[in-house]
Amino acid sequence: IAGQYLNMIKSWLDEKNDLLLSELCDRLRETTGTSVSITTMHRALEKLGLRHKKKSKCQ
């Protein structure tokens, strides 16, 4: 994911830190037209030095 998109993703997580990886992928596609897989989004968060908790279905 390009640097400009990384900054955008970080700002989304600063606003709402409990977004799911799938929600981040959807938001990126809706905002930029760029589709990425959940794995790619996970790697982008790692590049940003962020950790992402998985939500269980019970939450």
PDB file of N, CA and C in Angstrom:
ATOM      1  N   ILE A   1       0.854  -1.175   0.000  1.00  0.00           N
ATOM      2  CA  ILE A   1       0.000   0.000   0.000  1.00  0.00           C
ATOM      3  C   ILE A   1       0.898   1.236   0.000  1.00  0.00           C
ATOM      4  N   ALA A   2       0.589   2.184  -0.852  1.00  0.00           N
ATOM      5  CA  ALA A   2       1.397   3.399  -1.008  1.00  0.00           C
ATOM      6  C   ALA A   2       1.381   4.243   0.259  1.00  0.00           C
ATOM      7  N   GLY A   3       2.449   5.015   0.439  1.00  0.00           N
ATOM      8  CA  GLY A   3       2.617   5.840   1.629  1.00  0.00           C
ATOM      9  C   GLY A   3       1.459   6.773   1.910  1.00  0.00           C
ATOM     10  N   GLN A   4       0.904   7.378   0.871  1.00  0.00           N
ATOM     11  CA  GLN A   4      -0.221   8.299   1.074  1.00  0.00           C
ATOM     12  C   GLN A   4      -1.422   7.565   1.657  1.00  0.00           C
ATOM     13  N   TYR A   5      -1.612   6.321   1.253  1.00  0.00           N
ATOM     14  CA  TYR A   5      -2.715   5.527   1.784  1.00  0.00           C
ATOM     15  C   TYR A   5      -2.436   5.081   3.211  1.00  0.00           C
ATOM     16  N   LEU A   6      -1.170   4.824   3.521  1.00  0.00           N
ATOM     17  CA  LEU A   6      -0.816   4.442   4.892  1.00  0.00           C
ATOM     18  C   LEU A   6      -1.188   5.557   5.863  1.00  0.00           C
ATOM     19  N   ASN A   7      -0.909   6.791   5.481  1.00  0.00           N
ATOM     20  CA  ASN A   7      -1.264   7.928   6.337  1.00  0.00           C
ATOM     21  C   ASN A   7      -2.772   8.030   6.518  1.00  0.00           C
ATOM     22  N   MET A   8      -3.512   7.771   5.454  1.00  0.00           N
ATOM     23  CA  MET A   8      -4.963   7.808   5.509  1.00  0.00           C
ATOM     24  C   MET A   8      -5.488   6.731   6.464  1.00  0.00           C
ATOM     25  N   ILE A   9      -4.956   5.523   6.340  1.00  0.00           N
ATOM     26  CA  ILE A   9      -5.368   4.410   7.196  1.00  0.00           C
ATOM     27  C   ILE A   9      -5.067   4.733   8.653  1.00  0.00           C
ATOM     28  N   LYS A  10      -3.887   5.296   8.904  1.00  0.00           N
ATOM     29  CA  LYS A  10      -3.525   5.658  10.280  1.00  0.00           C
ATOM     30  C   LYS A  10      -4.501   6.677  10.843  1.00  0.00           C
ATOM     31  N   SER A  11      -4.900   7.643  10.045  1.00  0.00           N
ATOM     32  CA  SER A  11      -5.844   8.657  10.531  1.00  0.00           C
ATOM     33  C   SER A  11      -7.205   8.036  10.841  1.00  0.00           C
ATOM     34  N   TRP A  12      -7.639   7.062  10.036  1.00  0.00           N
ATOM     35  CA  TRP A  12      -8.903   6.374  10.329  1.00  0.00           C
ATOM     36  C   TRP A  12      -8.828   5.658  11.666  1.00  0.00           C
ATOM     37  N   LEU A  13      -7.687   5.011  11.912  1.00  0.00           N
ATOM     38  CA  LEU A  13      -7.522   4.273  13.163  1.00  0.00           C
ATOM     39  C   LEU A  13      -7.338   5.214  14.347  1.00  0.00           C
ATOM     40  N   ASP A  14      -6.797   6.399  14.117  1.00  0.00           N
ATOM     41  CA  ASP A  14      -6.711   7.393  15.188  1.00  0.00           C
ATOM     42  C   ASP A  14      -8.109   7.843  15.598  1.00  0.00           C
ATOM     43  N   GLU A  15      -9.015   7.942  14.614  1.00  0.00           N
ATOM     44  CA  GLU A  15     -10.393   8.349  14.883  1.00  0.00           C
ATOM     45  C   GLU A  15     -11.196   7.234  15.537  1.00  0.00           C
ATOM     46  N   LYS A  16     -11.009   6.017  15.044  1.00  0.00           N
ATOM     47  CA  LYS A  16     -11.783   4.874  15.543  1.00  0.00           C
ATOM     48  C   LYS A  16     -10.874   3.653  15.514  1.00  0.00           C
ATOM     49  N   ASN A  17     -10.329   3.298  16.671  1.00  0.00           N
ATOM     50  CA  ASN A  17      -9.280   2.278  16.701  1.00  0.00           C
ATOM     51  C   ASN A  17      -9.780   0.847  16.711  1.00  0.00           C
ATOM     52  N   ASP A  18     -11.091   0.646  16.638  1.00  0.00           N
ATOM     53  CA  ASP A  18     -11.594  -0.729  16.654  1.00  0.00           C
ATOM     54  C   ASP A  18     -12.127  -1.185  15.295  1.00  0.00           C
ATOM     55  N   LEU A  19     -11.683  -0.535  14.228  1.00  0.00           N
ATOM     56  CA  LEU A  19     -12.103  -0.952  12.887  1.00  0.00           C
ATOM     57  C   LEU A  19     -11.526  -2.322  12.555  1.00  0.00           C
ATOM     58  N   LEU A  20     -12.338  -3.153  11.957  1.00  0.00           N
ATOM     59  CA  LEU A  20     -11.887  -4.470  11.514  1.00  0.00           C
ATOM     60  C   LEU A  20     -11.042  -4.326  10.255  1.00  0.00           C
ATOM     61  N   LEU A  21     -10.187  -5.304  10.021  1.00  0.00           N
ATOM     62  CA  LEU A  21      -9.381  -5.286   8.795  1.00  0.00           C
ATOM     63  C   LEU A  21     -10.282  -5.205   7.564  1.00  0.00           C
ATOM     64  N   SER A  22     -11.370  -5.945   7.575  1.00  0.00           N
ATOM     65  CA  SER A  22     -12.289  -5.922   6.431  1.00  0.00           C
ATOM     66  C   SER A  22     -12.912  -4.541   6.257  1.00  0.00           C
ATOM     67  N   GLU A  23     -13.195  -3.855   7.364  1.00  0.00           N
ATOM     68  CA  GLU A  23     -13.746  -2.503   7.286  1.00  0.00           C
ATOM     69  C   GLU A  23     -12.715  -1.529   6.719  1.00  0.00           C
ATOM     70  N   LEU A  24     -11.459  -1.710   7.101  1.00  0.00           N
ATOM     71  CA  LEU A  24     -10.399  -0.866   6.544  1.00  0.00           C
ATOM     72  C   LEU A  24     -10.252  -1.098   5.043  1.00  0.00           C
ATOM     73  N   CYS A  25     -10.318  -2.358   4.624  1.00  0.00           N
ATOM     74  CA  CYS A  25     -10.244  -2.682   3.185  1.00  0.00           C
ATOM     75  C   CYS A  25     -11.398  -2.033   2.433  1.00  0.00           C
ATOM     76  N   ASP A  26     -12.600  -2.138   2.993  1.00  0.00           N
ATOM     77  CA  ASP A  26     -13.780  -1.543   2.355  1.00  0.00           C
ATOM     78  C   ASP A  26     -13.646  -0.029   2.257  1.00  0.00           C
ATOM     79  N   ARG A  27     -13.203   0.582   3.333  1.00  0.00           N
ATOM     80  CA  ARG A  27     -13.076   2.040   3.353  1.00  0.00           C
ATOM     81  C   ARG A  27     -12.029   2.509   2.346  1.00  0.00           C
ATOM     82  N   LEU A  28     -10.930   1.781   2.251  1.00  0.00           N
ATOM     83  CA  LEU A  28      -9.894   2.139   1.279  1.00  0.00           C
ATOM     84  C   LEU A  28     -10.444   2.044  -0.144  1.00  0.00           C
ATOM     85  N   ARG A  29     -11.189   0.981  -0.427  1.00  0.00           N
ATOM     86  CA  ARG A  29     -11.771   0.808  -1.761  1.00  0.00           C
ATOM     87  C   ARG A  29     -12.766   1.928  -2.064  1.00  0.00           C
ATOM     88  N   GLU A  30     -13.629   2.255  -1.093  1.00  0.00           N
ATOM     89  CA  GLU A  30     -14.642   3.290  -1.305  1.00  0.00           C
ATOM     90  C   GLU A  30     -14.018   4.673  -1.477  1.00  0.00           C
ATOM     91  N   THR A  31     -12.930   4.926  -0.755  1.00  0.00           N
ATOM     92  CA  THR A  31     -12.303   6.246  -0.768  1.00  0.00           C
ATOM     93  C   THR A  31     -11.377   6.448  -1.960  1.00  0.00           C
ATOM     94  N   THR A  32     -10.611   5.406  -2.308  1.00  0.00           N
ATOM     95  CA  THR A  32      -9.560   5.572  -3.320  1.00  0.00           C
ATOM     96  C   THR A  32      -9.770   4.747  -4.582  1.00  0.00           C
ATOM     97  N   GLY A  33     -10.666   3.767  -4.517  1.00  0.00           N
ATOM     98  CA  GLY A  33     -10.839   2.864  -5.648  1.00  0.00           C
ATOM     99  C   GLY A  33      -9.822   1.739  -5.671  1.00  0.00           C
ATOM    100  N   THR A  34      -8.977   1.671  -4.643  1.00  0.00           N
ATOM    101  CA  THR A  34      -7.942   0.644  -4.546  1.00  0.00           C
ATOM    102  C   THR A  34      -8.436  -0.502  -3.683  1.00  0.00           C
ATOM    103  N   SER A  35      -8.474  -1.700  -4.253  1.00  0.00           N
ATOM    104  CA  SER A  35      -8.896  -2.885  -3.504  1.00  0.00           C
ATOM    105  C   SER A  35      -7.672  -3.642  -3.028  1.00  0.00           C
ATOM    106  N   VAL A  36      -7.675  -4.005  -1.745  1.00  0.00           N
ATOM    107  CA  VAL A  36      -6.591  -4.807  -1.183  1.00  0.00           C
ATOM    108  C   VAL A  36      -7.190  -5.946  -0.371  1.00  0.00           C
ATOM    109  N   SER A  37      -6.402  -6.988  -0.207  1.00  0.00           N
ATOM    110  CA  SER A  37      -6.841  -8.126   0.597  1.00  0.00           C
ATOM    111  C   SER A  37      -6.647  -7.810   2.078  1.00  0.00           C
ATOM    112  N   ILE A  38      -7.267  -8.616   2.916  1.00  0.00           N
ATOM    113  CA  ILE A  38      -7.102  -8.473   4.360  1.00  0.00           C
ATOM    114  C   ILE A  38      -5.637  -8.680   4.738  1.00  0.00           C
ATOM    115  N   THR A  39      -4.970  -9.621   4.074  1.00  0.00           N
ATOM    116  CA  THR A  39      -3.551  -9.866   4.346  1.00  0.00           C
ATOM    117  C   THR A  39      -2.715  -8.628   4.037  1.00  0.00           C
ATOM    118  N   THR A  40      -3.000  -7.974   2.927  1.00  0.00           N
ATOM    119  CA  THR A  40      -2.275  -6.759   2.559  1.00  0.00           C
ATOM    120  C   THR A  40      -2.524  -5.654   3.575  1.00  0.00           C
ATOM    121  N   MET A  41      -3.768  -5.534   4.036  1.00  0.00           N
ATOM    122  CA  MET A  41      -4.087  -4.516   5.036  1.00  0.00           C
ATOM    123  C   MET A  41      -3.355  -4.816   6.347  1.00  0.00           C
ATOM    124  N   HIS A  42      -3.281  -6.082   6.708  1.00  0.00           N
ATOM    125  CA  HIS A  42      -2.563  -6.475   7.920  1.00  0.00           C
ATOM    126  C   HIS A  42      -1.092  -6.073   7.815  1.00  0.00           C
ATOM    127  N   ARG A  43      -0.500  -6.309   6.662  1.00  0.00           N
ATOM    128  CA  ARG A  43       0.904  -5.924   6.447  1.00  0.00           C
ATOM    129  C   ARG A  43       1.079  -4.409   6.514  1.00  0.00           C
ATOM    130  N   ALA A  44       0.092  -3.673   6.011  1.00  0.00           N
ATOM    131  CA  ALA A  44       0.164  -2.213   6.067  1.00  0.00           C
ATOM    132  C   ALA A  44       0.173  -1.737   7.518  1.00  0.00           C
ATOM    133  N   LEU A  45      -0.645  -2.363   8.355  1.00  0.00           N
ATOM    134  CA  LEU A  45      -0.664  -1.989   9.769  1.00  0.00           C
ATOM    135  C   LEU A  45       0.669  -2.311  10.430  1.00  0.00           C
ATOM    136  N   GLU A  46       1.267  -3.424  10.030  1.00  0.00           N
ATOM    137  CA  GLU A  46       2.591  -3.768  10.559  1.00  0.00           C
ATOM    138  C   GLU A  46       3.620  -2.719  10.151  1.00  0.00           C
ATOM    139  N   LYS A  47       3.546  -2.224   8.909  1.00  0.00           N
ATOM    140  CA  LYS A  47       4.462  -1.171   8.454  1.00  0.00           C
ATOM    141  C   LYS A  47       4.308   0.087   9.301  1.00  0.00           C
ATOM    142  N   LEU A  48       3.070   0.342   9.725  1.00  0.00           N
ATOM    143  CA  LEU A  48       2.801   1.513  10.551  1.00  0.00           C
ATOM    144  C   LEU A  48       3.173   1.287  12.014  1.00  0.00           C
ATOM    145  N   GLY A  49       3.579   0.064  12.330  1.00  0.00           N
ATOM    146  CA  GLY A  49       3.929  -0.257  13.710  1.00  0.00           C
ATOM    147  C   GLY A  49       2.719  -0.467  14.588  1.00  0.00           C
ATOM    148  N   LEU A  50       1.584  -0.775  13.958  1.00  0.00           N
ATOM    149  CA  LEU A  50       0.341  -0.978  14.699  1.00  0.00           C
ATOM    150  C   LEU A  50       0.027  -2.454  14.807  1.00  0.00           C
ATOM    151  N   ARG A  51      -0.592  -2.799  15.905  1.00  0.00           N
ATOM    152  CA  ARG A  51      -1.056  -4.174  16.084  1.00  0.00           C
ATOM    153  C   ARG A  51      -2.564  -4.148  15.998  1.00  0.00           C
ATOM    154  N   HIS A  52      -3.123  -5.191  15.476  1.00  0.00           N
ATOM    155  CA  HIS A  52      -4.569  -5.242  15.302  1.00  0.00           C
ATOM    156  C   HIS A  52      -5.115  -6.451  16.017  1.00  0.00           C
ATOM    157  N   LYS A  53      -6.042  -6.196  16.941  1.00  0.00           N
ATOM    158  CA  LYS A  53      -6.670  -7.294  17.660  1.00  0.00           C
ATOM    159  C   LYS A  53      -7.785  -7.873  16.813  1.00  0.00           C
ATOM    160  N   LYS A  54      -7.911  -9.169  16.855  1.00  0.00           N
ATOM    161  CA  LYS A  54      -9.025  -9.814  16.177  1.00  0.00           C
ATOM    162  C   LYS A  54     -10.218  -9.800  17.114  1.00  0.00           C
ATOM    163  N   LYS A  55     -11.366  -9.467  16.581  1.00  0.00           N
ATOM    164  CA  LYS A  55     -12.587  -9.523  17.370  1.00  0.00           C
ATOM    165  C   LYS A  55     -13.202 -10.896  17.192  1.00  0.00           C
ATOM    166  N   SER A  56     -13.676 -11.437  18.268  1.00  0.00           N
ATOM    167  CA  SER A  56     -14.378 -12.711  18.152  1.00  0.00           C
ATOM    168  C   SER A  56     -15.817 -12.436  17.750  1.00  0.00           C
ATOM    169  N   LYS A  57     -16.498 -13.452  17.292  1.00  0.00           N
ATOM    170  CA  LYS A  57     -17.883 -13.305  16.871  1.00  0.00           C
ATOM    171  C   LYS A  57     -18.797 -12.982  18.046  1.00  0.00           C
ATOM    172  N   CYS A  58     -18.346 -13.272  19.246  1.00  0.00           N
ATOM    173  CA  CYS A  58     -19.167 -13.057  20.436  1.00  0.00           C
ATOM    174  C   CYS A  58     -19.183 -11.601  20.883  1.00  0.00           C
ATOM    175  N   GLN A  59     -18.258 -10.810  20.416  1.00  0.00           N
ATOM    176  CA  GLN A  59     -18.179  -9.424  20.883  1.00  0.00           C
ATOM    177  C   GLN A  59     -19.133  -8.526  20.151  1.00  0.00           C
TER     178      GLN A  59
END
